[in-house]
Amino acid sequence: MKRFDPDKMRLRFQHVQLDNGRRYTSCVIMEDGEPIAVGYAICSKKESFNKERGRTISQGRAIKSLETGKEIATRAGGTTYFSGKIKEEQHEDNL
């Protein structure tokens, strides 16, 4: 499995508010300009959105996914969300 190398890999964060009011933060790990792993932090409607906390959580999940090579399932508000290796059909704009 790969290890996160901050000298060779870049992190890209995106903070999004959905039409239903829910917010999430995504962290994409990039290597040589290509996305190689992603992690998400999703707020429930009851939580206060905090960009710093979202970056910390999504970054940890992206790094864990990169290093283990496994998708990580997280329960939030009864829905299962995944972070993991980016498949070819996924595109950064769709995160």
PDB file of N, CA and C in Angstrom:
ATOM      1  N   MET A   1       0.834  -1.182   0.000  1.00  0.00           N
ATOM      2  CA  MET A   1       0.000   0.000   0.000  1.00  0.00           C
ATOM      3  C   MET A   1       0.882   1.251   0.000  1.00  0.00           C
ATOM      4  N   LYS A   2       0.316   2.336  -0.486  1.00  0.00           N
ATOM      5  CA  LYS A   2       1.035   3.614  -0.531  1.00  0.00           C
ATOM      6  C   LYS A   2       1.012   4.299   0.821  1.00  0.00           C
ATOM      7  N   ARG A   3       2.028   5.080   1.080  1.00  0.00           N
ATOM      8  CA  ARG A   3       2.085   5.934   2.253  1.00  0.00           C
ATOM      9  C   ARG A   3       1.948   7.373   1.775  1.00  0.00           C
ATOM     10  N   PHE A   4       1.321   8.201   2.575  1.00  0.00           N
ATOM     11  CA  PHE A   4       1.148   9.601   2.213  1.00  0.00           C
ATOM     12  C   PHE A   4       2.499  10.307   2.291  1.00  0.00           C
ATOM     13  N   ASP A   5       2.898  10.950   1.214  1.00  0.00           N
ATOM     14  CA  ASP A   5       4.152  11.692   1.132  1.00  0.00           C
ATOM     15  C   ASP A   5       3.831  13.144   0.795  1.00  0.00           C
ATOM     16  N   PRO A   6       3.880  14.050   1.793  1.00  0.00           N
ATOM     17  CA  PRO A   6       3.508  15.447   1.536  1.00  0.00           C
ATOM     18  C   PRO A   6       4.423  16.165   0.550  1.00  0.00           C
ATOM     19  N   ASP A   7       5.624  15.622   0.298  1.00  0.00           N
ATOM     20  CA  ASP A   7       6.523  16.240  -0.670  1.00  0.00           C
ATOM     21  C   ASP A   7       6.111  15.938  -2.111  1.00  0.00           C
ATOM     22  N   LYS A   8       5.418  14.815  -2.321  1.00  0.00           N
ATOM     23  CA  LYS A   8       5.037  14.405  -3.676  1.00  0.00           C
ATOM     24  C   LYS A   8       3.541  14.494  -3.938  1.00  0.00           C
ATOM     25  N   MET A   9       2.757  14.554  -2.868  1.00  0.00           N
ATOM     26  CA  MET A   9       1.303  14.530  -3.008  1.00  0.00           C
ATOM     27  C   MET A   9       0.711  15.843  -2.509  1.00  0.00           C
ATOM     28  N   ARG A  10      -0.348  16.269  -3.180  1.00  0.00           N
ATOM     29  CA  ARG A  10      -1.049  17.497  -2.798  1.00  0.00           C
ATOM     30  C   ARG A  10      -2.454  17.154  -2.332  1.00  0.00           C
ATOM     31  N   LEU A  11      -2.963  17.967  -1.432  1.00  0.00           N
ATOM     32  CA  LEU A  11      -4.332  17.809  -0.948  1.00  0.00           C
ATOM     33  C   LEU A  11      -5.184  18.917  -1.546  1.00  0.00           C
ATOM     34  N   ARG A  12      -6.383  18.558  -1.985  1.00  0.00           N
ATOM     35  CA  ARG A  12      -7.353  19.536  -2.483  1.00  0.00           C
ATOM     36  C   ARG A  12      -8.631  19.371  -1.680  1.00  0.00           C
ATOM     37  N   PHE A  13      -9.109  20.470  -1.147  1.00  0.00           N
ATOM     38  CA  PHE A  13     -10.332  20.446  -0.342  1.00  0.00           C
ATOM     39  C   PHE A  13     -11.443  21.184  -1.070  1.00  0.00           C
ATOM     40  N   GLN A  14     -12.655  20.702  -0.844  1.00  0.00           N
ATOM     41  CA  GLN A  14     -13.833  21.355  -1.399  1.00  0.00           C
ATOM     42  C   GLN A  14     -14.916  21.331  -0.330  1.00  0.00           C
ATOM     43  N   HIS A  15     -15.526  22.488  -0.071  1.00  0.00           N
ATOM     44  CA  HIS A  15     -16.626  22.601   0.881  1.00  0.00           C
ATOM     45  C   HIS A  15     -17.889  22.846   0.080  1.00  0.00           C
ATOM     46  N   VAL A  16     -18.914  22.029   0.323  1.00  0.00           N
ATOM     47  CA  VAL A  16     -20.133  22.082  -0.503  1.00  0.00           C
ATOM     48  C   VAL A  16     -21.366  22.137   0.388  1.00  0.00           C
ATOM     49  N   GLN A  17     -22.334  22.966  -0.019  1.00  0.00           N
ATOM     50  CA  GLN A  17     -23.644  22.964   0.612  1.00  0.00           C
ATOM     51  C   GLN A  17     -24.647  22.457  -0.406  1.00  0.00           C
ATOM     52  N   LEU A  18     -25.365  21.410  -0.060  1.00  0.00           N
ATOM     53  CA  LEU A  18     -26.358  20.813  -0.950  1.00  0.00           C
ATOM     54  C   LEU A  18     -27.673  21.582  -0.874  1.00  0.00           C
ATOM     55  N   ASP A  19     -28.553  21.339  -1.826  1.00  0.00           N
ATOM     56  CA  ASP A  19     -29.854  22.018  -1.863  1.00  0.00           C
ATOM     57  C   ASP A  19     -30.687  21.740  -0.618  1.00  0.00           C
ATOM     58  N   ASN A  20     -30.499  20.568  -0.010  1.00  0.00           N
ATOM     59  CA  ASN A  20     -31.278  20.207   1.179  1.00  0.00           C
ATOM     60  C   ASN A  20     -30.690  20.798   2.463  1.00  0.00           C
ATOM     61  N   GLY A  21     -29.641  21.625   2.344  1.00  0.00           N
ATOM     62  CA  GLY A  21     -29.055  22.282   3.503  1.00  0.00           C
ATOM     63  C   GLY A  21     -27.891  21.546   4.134  1.00  0.00           C
ATOM     64  N   ARG A  22     -27.688  20.301   3.758  1.00  0.00           N
ATOM     65  CA  ARG A  22     -26.564  19.539   4.310  1.00  0.00           C
ATOM     66  C   ARG A  22     -25.264  20.025   3.691  1.00  0.00           C
ATOM     67  N   ARG A  23     -24.184  19.915   4.456  1.00  0.00           N
ATOM     68  CA  ARG A  23     -22.884  20.360   3.979  1.00  0.00           C
ATOM     69  C   ARG A  23     -21.870  19.232   4.138  1.00  0.00           C
ATOM     70  N   TYR A  24     -20.874  19.245   3.266  1.00  0.00           N
ATOM     71  CA  TYR A  24     -19.789  18.275   3.399  1.00  0.00           C
ATOM     72  C   TYR A  24     -18.483  18.876   2.914  1.00  0.00           C
ATOM     73  N   THR A  25     -17.405  18.252   3.342  1.00  0.00           N
ATOM     74  CA  THR A  25     -16.066  18.625   2.903  1.00  0.00           C
ATOM     75  C   THR A  25     -15.441  17.389   2.287  1.00  0.00           C
ATOM     76  N   SER A  26     -14.794  17.559   1.143  1.00  0.00           N
ATOM     77  CA  SER A  26     -14.074  16.450   0.533  1.00  0.00           C
ATOM     78  C   SER A  26     -12.588  16.794   0.495  1.00  0.00           C
ATOM     79  N   CYS A  27     -11.763  15.770   0.601  1.00  0.00           N
ATOM     80  CA  CYS A  27     -10.320  15.913   0.475  1.00  0.00           C
ATOM     81  C   CYS A  27      -9.870  14.932  -0.601  1.00  0.00           C
ATOM     82  N   VAL A  28      -9.229  15.450  -1.634  1.00  0.00           N
ATOM     83  CA  VAL A  28      -8.706  14.609  -2.712  1.00  0.00           C
ATOM     84  C   VAL A  28      -7.188  14.642  -2.629  1.00  0.00           C
ATOM     85  N   ILE A  29      -6.572  13.462  -2.600  1.00  0.00           N
ATOM     86  CA  ILE A  29      -5.119  13.373  -2.629  1.00  0.00           C
ATOM     87  C   ILE A  29      -4.694  13.251  -4.075  1.00  0.00           C
ATOM     88  N   MET A  30      -3.832  14.181  -4.495  1.00  0.00           N
ATOM     89  CA  MET A  30      -3.369  14.239  -5.882  1.00  0.00           C
ATOM     90  C   MET A  30      -1.890  13.856  -5.940  1.00  0.00           C
ATOM     91  N   GLU A  31      -1.528  13.083  -6.964  1.00  0.00           N
ATOM     92  CA  GLU A  31      -0.129  12.737  -7.211  1.00  0.00           C
ATOM     93  C   GLU A  31       0.118  12.892  -8.704  1.00  0.00           C
ATOM     94  N   ASP A  32       1.109  13.675  -9.059  1.00  0.00           N
ATOM     95  CA  ASP A  32       1.412  13.965 -10.466  1.00  0.00           C
ATOM     96  C   ASP A  32       0.184  14.491 -11.208  1.00  0.00           C
ATOM     97  N   GLY A  33      -0.623  15.302 -10.510  1.00  0.00           N
ATOM     98  CA  GLY A  33      -1.800  15.905 -11.127  1.00  0.00           C
ATOM     99  C   GLY A  33      -2.998  14.986 -11.258  1.00  0.00           C
ATOM    100  N   GLU A  34      -2.889  13.758 -10.758  1.00  0.00           N
ATOM    101  CA  GLU A  34      -3.982  12.789 -10.851  1.00  0.00           C
ATOM    102  C   GLU A  34      -4.555  12.496  -9.464  1.00  0.00           C
ATOM    103  N   PRO A  35      -5.882  12.414  -9.331  1.00  0.00           N
ATOM    104  CA  PRO A  35      -6.472  12.046  -8.039  1.00  0.00           C
ATOM    105  C   PRO A  35      -6.242  10.565  -7.753  1.00  0.00           C
ATOM    106  N   ILE A  36      -5.785  10.252  -6.528  1.00  0.00           N
ATOM    107  CA  ILE A  36      -5.518   8.851  -6.191  1.00  0.00           C
ATOM    108  C   ILE A  36      -6.328   8.347  -5.002  1.00  0.00           C
ATOM    109  N   ALA A  37      -6.877   9.249  -4.185  1.00  0.00           N
ATOM    110  CA  ALA A  37      -7.732   8.834  -3.067  1.00  0.00           C
ATOM    111  C   ALA A  37      -8.593  10.017  -2.653  1.00  0.00           C
ATOM    112  N   VAL A  38      -9.715   9.722  -1.992  1.00  0.00           N
ATOM    113  CA  VAL A  38     -10.630  10.775  -1.558  1.00  0.00           C
ATOM    114  C   VAL A  38     -11.229  10.396  -0.203  1.00  0.00           C
ATOM    115  N   GLY A  39     -11.527  11.405   0.586  1.00  0.00           N
ATOM    116  CA  GLY A  39     -12.197  11.212   1.869  1.00  0.00           C
ATOM    117  C   GLY A  39     -13.250  12.288   2.046  1.00  0.00           C
ATOM    118  N   TYR A  40     -14.317  11.974   2.766  1.00  0.00           N
ATOM    119  CA  TYR A  40     -15.426  12.911   2.971  1.00  0.00           C
ATOM    120  C   TYR A  40     -15.719  13.092   4.453  1.00  0.00           C
ATOM    121  N   ALA A  41     -16.183  14.281   4.800  1.00  0.00           N
ATOM    122  CA  ALA A  41     -16.741  14.572   6.122  1.00  0.00           C
ATOM    123  C   ALA A  41     -18.101  15.204   5.869  1.00  0.00           C
ATOM    124  N   ILE A  42     -19.158  14.526   6.311  1.00  0.00           N
ATOM    125  CA  ILE A  42     -20.514  14.982   6.041  1.00  0.00           C
ATOM    126  C   ILE A  42     -21.166  15.421   7.349  1.00  0.00           C
ATOM    127  N   CYS A  43     -21.704  16.634   7.367  1.00  0.00           N
ATOM    128  CA  CYS A  43     -22.404  17.146   8.549  1.00  0.00           C
ATOM    129  C   CYS A  43     -23.850  16.666   8.537  1.00  0.00           C
ATOM    130  N   SER A  44     -24.343  16.334   9.707  1.00  0.00           N
ATOM    131  CA  SER A  44     -25.785  16.105   9.795  1.00  0.00           C
ATOM    132  C   SER A  44     -26.444  17.478   9.885  1.00  0.00           C
ATOM    133  N   LYS A  45     -27.746  17.533   9.710  1.00  0.00           N
ATOM    134  CA  LYS A  45     -28.450  18.815   9.780  1.00  0.00           C
ATOM    135  C   LYS A  45     -28.384  19.411  11.185  1.00  0.00           C
ATOM    136  N   LYS A  46     -28.135  18.576  12.188  1.00  0.00           N
ATOM    137  CA  LYS A  46     -28.095  19.030  13.577  1.00  0.00           C
ATOM    138  C   LYS A  46     -26.742  19.634  13.957  1.00  0.00           C
ATOM    139  N   GLU A  47     -25.714  19.412  13.141  1.00  0.00           N
ATOM    140  CA  GLU A  47     -24.372  19.892  13.457  1.00  0.00           C
ATOM    141  C   GLU A  47     -24.121  21.271  12.863  1.00  0.00           C
ATOM    142  N   SER A  48     -23.220  21.997  13.498  1.00  0.00           N
ATOM    143  CA  SER A  48     -22.754  23.272  12.947  1.00  0.00           C
ATOM    144  C   SER A  48     -21.596  22.986  12.012  1.00  0.00           C
ATOM    145  N   PHE A  49     -21.642  23.554  10.816  1.00  0.00           N
ATOM    146  CA  PHE A  49     -20.579  23.338   9.835  1.00  0.00           C
ATOM    147  C   PHE A  49     -19.319  24.071  10.275  1.00  0.00           C
ATOM    148  N   ASN A  50     -18.181  23.379  10.236  1.00  0.00           N
ATOM    149  CA  ASN A  50     -16.903  23.961  10.610  1.00  0.00           C
ATOM    150  C   ASN A  50     -15.876  23.494   9.584  1.00  0.00           C
ATOM    151  N   LYS A  51     -15.368  24.431   8.755  1.00  0.00           N
ATOM    152  CA  LYS A  51     -14.446  24.064   7.676  1.00  0.00           C
ATOM    153  C   LYS A  51     -13.184  23.385   8.198  1.00  0.00           C
ATOM    154  N   GLU A  52     -12.621  23.896   9.283  1.00  0.00           N
ATOM    155  CA  GLU A  52     -11.378  23.319   9.812  1.00  0.00           C
ATOM    156  C   GLU A  52     -11.589  21.866  10.241  1.00  0.00           C
ATOM    157  N   ARG A  53     -12.681  21.609  10.963  1.00  0.00           N
ATOM    158  CA  ARG A  53     -12.975  20.236  11.400  1.00  0.00           C
ATOM    159  C   ARG A  53     -13.257  19.344  10.189  1.00  0.00           C
ATOM    160  N   GLY A  54     -13.968  19.856   9.197  1.00  0.00           N
ATOM    161  CA  GLY A  54     -14.248  19.093   7.984  1.00  0.00           C
ATOM    162  C   GLY A  54     -12.977  18.718   7.240  1.00  0.00           C
ATOM    163  N   ARG A  55     -12.037  19.666   7.154  1.00  0.00           N
ATOM    164  CA  ARG A  55     -10.748  19.373   6.498  1.00  0.00           C
ATOM    165  C   ARG A  55      -9.989  18.294   7.255  1.00  0.00           C
ATOM    166  N   THR A  56      -9.978  18.391   8.584  1.00  0.00           N
ATOM    167  CA  THR A  56      -9.254  17.409   9.403  1.00  0.00           C
ATOM    168  C   THR A  56      -9.834  16.006   9.221  1.00  0.00           C
ATOM    169  N   ILE A  57     -11.155  15.896   9.296  1.00  0.00           N
ATOM    170  CA  ILE A  57     -11.804  14.585   9.168  1.00  0.00           C
ATOM    171  C   ILE A  57     -11.630  14.021   7.765  1.00  0.00           C
ATOM    172  N   SER A  58     -11.903  14.823   6.734  1.00  0.00           N
ATOM    173  CA  SER A  58     -11.811  14.310   5.359  1.00  0.00           C
ATOM    174  C   SER A  58     -10.372  13.961   4.986  1.00  0.00           C
ATOM    175  N   GLN A  59      -9.408  14.739   5.470  1.00  0.00           N
ATOM    176  CA  GLN A  59      -7.998  14.425   5.204  1.00  0.00           C
ATOM    177  C   GLN A  59      -7.603  13.104   5.856  1.00  0.00           C
ATOM    178  N   GLY A  60      -7.997  12.898   7.092  1.00  0.00           N
ATOM    179  CA  GLY A  60      -7.689  11.639   7.777  1.00  0.00           C
ATOM    180  C   GLY A  60      -8.276  10.437   7.051  1.00  0.00           C
ATOM    181  N   ARG A  61      -9.503  10.576   6.567  1.00  0.00           N
ATOM    182  CA  ARG A  61     -10.151   9.475   5.847  1.00  0.00           C
ATOM    183  C   ARG A  61      -9.493   9.219   4.495  1.00  0.00           C
ATOM    184  N   ALA A  62      -9.078  10.281   3.808  1.00  0.00           N
ATOM    185  CA  ALA A  62      -8.406  10.110   2.516  1.00  0.00           C
ATOM    186  C   ALA A  62      -7.051   9.417   2.703  1.00  0.00           C
ATOM    187  N   ILE A  63      -6.297   9.830   3.715  1.00  0.00           N
ATOM    188  CA  ILE A  63      -4.985   9.215   3.969  1.00  0.00           C
ATOM    189  C   ILE A  63      -5.144   7.759   4.387  1.00  0.00           C
ATOM    190  N   LYS A  64      -6.119   7.475   5.243  1.00  0.00           N
ATOM    191  CA  LYS A  64      -6.358   6.097   5.663  1.00  0.00           C
ATOM    192  C   LYS A  64      -6.726   5.222   4.473  1.00  0.00           C
ATOM    193  N   SER A  65      -7.564   5.754   3.584  1.00  0.00           N
ATOM    194  CA  SER A  65      -7.951   5.020   2.388  1.00  0.00           C
ATOM    195  C   SER A  65      -6.746   4.762   1.492  1.00  0.00           C
ATOM    196  N   LEU A  66      -5.899   5.771   1.322  1.00  0.00           N
ATOM    197  CA  LEU A  66      -4.701   5.629   0.502  1.00  0.00           C
ATOM    198  C   LEU A  66      -3.779   4.558   1.071  1.00  0.00           C
ATOM    199  N   GLU A  67      -3.569   4.588   2.377  1.00  0.00           N
ATOM    200  CA  GLU A  67      -2.608   3.688   3.005  1.00  0.00           C
ATOM    201  C   GLU A  67      -3.115   2.263   3.158  1.00  0.00           C
ATOM    202  N   THR A  68      -4.420   2.083   3.297  1.00  0.00           N
ATOM    203  CA  THR A  68      -4.959   0.731   3.462  1.00  0.00           C
ATOM    204  C   THR A  68      -5.413   0.126   2.140  1.00  0.00           C
ATOM    205  N   GLY A  69      -5.689   0.983   1.153  1.00  0.00           N
ATOM    206  CA  GLY A  69      -6.191   0.495  -0.125  1.00  0.00           C
ATOM    207  C   GLY A  69      -7.626   0.030  -0.052  1.00  0.00           C
ATOM    208  N   LYS A  70      -8.334   0.396   1.035  1.00  0.00           N
ATOM    209  CA  LYS A  70      -9.715  -0.032   1.225  1.00  0.00           C
ATOM    210  C   LYS A  70     -10.636   1.165   1.273  1.00  0.00           C
ATOM    211  N   GLU A  71     -11.884   0.930   0.881  1.00  0.00           N
ATOM    212  CA  GLU A  71     -12.896   1.962   1.047  1.00  0.00           C
ATOM    213  C   GLU A  71     -13.314   1.967   2.511  1.00  0.00           C
ATOM    214  N   ILE A  72     -13.615   3.146   3.017  1.00  0.00           N
ATOM    215  CA  ILE A  72     -13.989   3.297   4.413  1.00  0.00           C
ATOM    216  C   ILE A  72     -15.426   3.756   4.474  1.00  0.00           C
ATOM    217  N   ALA A  73     -16.282   2.983   5.134  1.00  0.00           N
ATOM    218  CA  ALA A  73     -17.698   3.328   5.251  1.00  0.00           C
ATOM    219  C   ALA A  73     -17.922   4.045   6.576  1.00  0.00           C
ATOM    220  N   THR A  74     -18.716   5.087   6.553  1.00  0.00           N
ATOM    221  CA  THR A  74     -19.017   5.860   7.751  1.00  0.00           C
ATOM    222  C   THR A  74     -20.515   6.086   7.811  1.00  0.00           C
ATOM    223  N   ARG A  75     -21.094   5.871   8.956  1.00  0.00           N
ATOM    224  CA  ARG A  75     -22.519   6.126   9.122  1.00  0.00           C
ATOM    225  C   ARG A  75     -22.724   7.552   9.599  1.00  0.00           C
ATOM    226  N   ALA A  76     -23.592   8.275   8.922  1.00  0.00           N
ATOM    227  CA  ALA A  76     -23.957   9.630   9.337  1.00  0.00           C
ATOM    228  C   ALA A  76     -25.425   9.824   9.013  1.00  0.00           C
ATOM    229  N   GLY A  77     -26.235  10.017  10.018  1.00  0.00           N
ATOM    230  CA  GLY A  77     -27.660  10.252   9.796  1.00  0.00           C
ATOM    231  C   GLY A  77     -28.368   9.090   9.135  1.00  0.00           C
ATOM    232  N   GLY A  78     -27.874   7.851   9.343  1.00  0.00           N
ATOM    233  CA  GLY A  78     -28.524   6.679   8.794  1.00  0.00           C
ATOM    234  C   GLY A  78     -28.132   6.338   7.378  1.00  0.00           C
ATOM    235  N   THR A  79     -27.281   7.123   6.751  1.00  0.00           N
ATOM    236  CA  THR A  79     -26.848   6.875   5.385  1.00  0.00           C
ATOM    237  C   THR A  79     -25.381   6.469   5.397  1.00  0.00           C
ATOM    238  N   THR A  80     -25.015   5.541   4.549  1.00  0.00           N
ATOM    239  CA  THR A  80     -23.624   5.117   4.482  1.00  0.00           C
ATOM    240  C   THR A  80     -22.914   5.903   3.397  1.00  0.00           C
ATOM    241  N   TYR A  81     -21.784   6.478   3.737  1.00  0.00           N
ATOM    242  CA  TYR A  81     -20.951   7.222   2.808  1.00  0.00           C
ATOM    243  C   TYR A  81     -19.621   6.508   2.682  1.00  0.00           C
ATOM    244  N   PHE A  82     -18.959   6.661   1.559  1.00  0.00           N
ATOM    245  CA  PHE A  82     -17.703   5.981   1.325  1.00  0.00           C
ATOM    246  C   PHE A  82     -16.607   6.974   0.985  1.00  0.00           C
ATOM    247  N   SER A  83     -15.408   6.627   1.397  1.00  0.00           N
ATOM    248  CA  SER A  83     -14.233   7.316   0.886  1.00  0.00           C
ATOM    249  C   SER A  83     -13.318   6.211   0.403  1.00  0.00           C
ATOM    250  N   GLY A  84     -12.546   6.455  -0.586  1.00  0.00           N
ATOM    251  CA  GLY A  84     -11.686   5.396  -1.080  1.00  0.00           C
ATOM    252  C   GLY A  84     -10.952   5.793  -2.329  1.00  0.00           C
ATOM    253  N   LYS A  85     -10.413   4.802  -2.988  1.00  0.00           N
ATOM    254  CA  LYS A  85      -9.686   5.034  -4.224  1.00  0.00           C
ATOM    255  C   LYS A  85     -10.633   5.622  -5.252  1.00  0.00           C
ATOM    256  N   ILE A  86     -10.164   6.595  -5.986  1.00  0.00           N
ATOM    257  CA  ILE A  86     -10.988   7.204  -7.021  1.00  0.00           C
ATOM    258  C   ILE A  86     -10.973   6.311  -8.253  1.00  0.00           C
ATOM    259  N   LYS A  87     -12.162   6.002  -8.732  1.00  0.00           N
ATOM    260  CA  LYS A  87     -12.275   5.206  -9.945  1.00  0.00           C
ATOM    261  C   LYS A  87     -12.171   6.130 -11.149  1.00  0.00           C
ATOM    262  N   GLU A  88     -11.822   5.580 -12.283  1.00  0.00           N
ATOM    263  CA  GLU A  88     -11.612   6.392 -13.488  1.00  0.00           C
ATOM    264  C   GLU A  88     -12.834   7.219 -13.854  1.00  0.00           C
ATOM    265  N   GLU A  89     -14.043   6.681 -13.626  1.00  0.00           N
ATOM    266  CA  GLU A  89     -15.232   7.403 -14.049  1.00  0.00           C
ATOM    267  C   GLU A  89     -15.580   8.548 -13.102  1.00  0.00           C
ATOM    268  N   GLN A  90     -14.971   8.599 -11.903  1.00  0.00           N
ATOM    269  CA  GLN A  90     -15.208   9.697 -10.998  1.00  0.00           C
ATOM    270  C   GLN A  90     -14.377  10.888 -11.436  1.00  0.00           C
ATOM    271  N   HIS A  91     -14.906  12.048 -11.254  1.00  0.00           N
ATOM    272  CA  HIS A  91     -14.193  13.269 -11.621  1.00  0.00           C
ATOM    273  C   HIS A  91     -14.274  14.234 -10.456  1.00  0.00           C
ATOM    274  N   GLU A  92     -13.247  15.019 -10.250  1.00  0.00           N
ATOM    275  CA  GLU A  92     -13.166  15.924  -9.125  1.00  0.00           C
ATOM    276  C   GLU A  92     -14.377  16.840  -9.035  1.00  0.00           C
ATOM    277  N   ASP A  93     -14.941  17.264 -10.141  1.00  0.00           N
ATOM    278  CA  ASP A  93     -16.087  18.164 -10.122  1.00  0.00           C
ATOM    279  C   ASP A  93     -17.334  17.502  -9.549  1.00  0.00           C
ATOM    280  N   ASN A  94     -17.378  16.160  -9.561  1.00  0.00           N
ATOM    281  CA  ASN A  94     -18.551  15.442  -9.069  1.00  0.00           C
ATOM    282  C   ASN A  94     -18.457  15.081  -7.606  1.00  0.00           C
ATOM    283  N   LEU A  95     -17.366  15.449  -6.930  1.00  0.00           N
ATOM    284  CA  LEU A  95     -17.228  15.119  -5.524  1.00  0.00           C
ATOM    285  C   LEU A  95     -18.148  15.985  -4.764  1.00  0.00           C
TER     286      LEU A  95
END
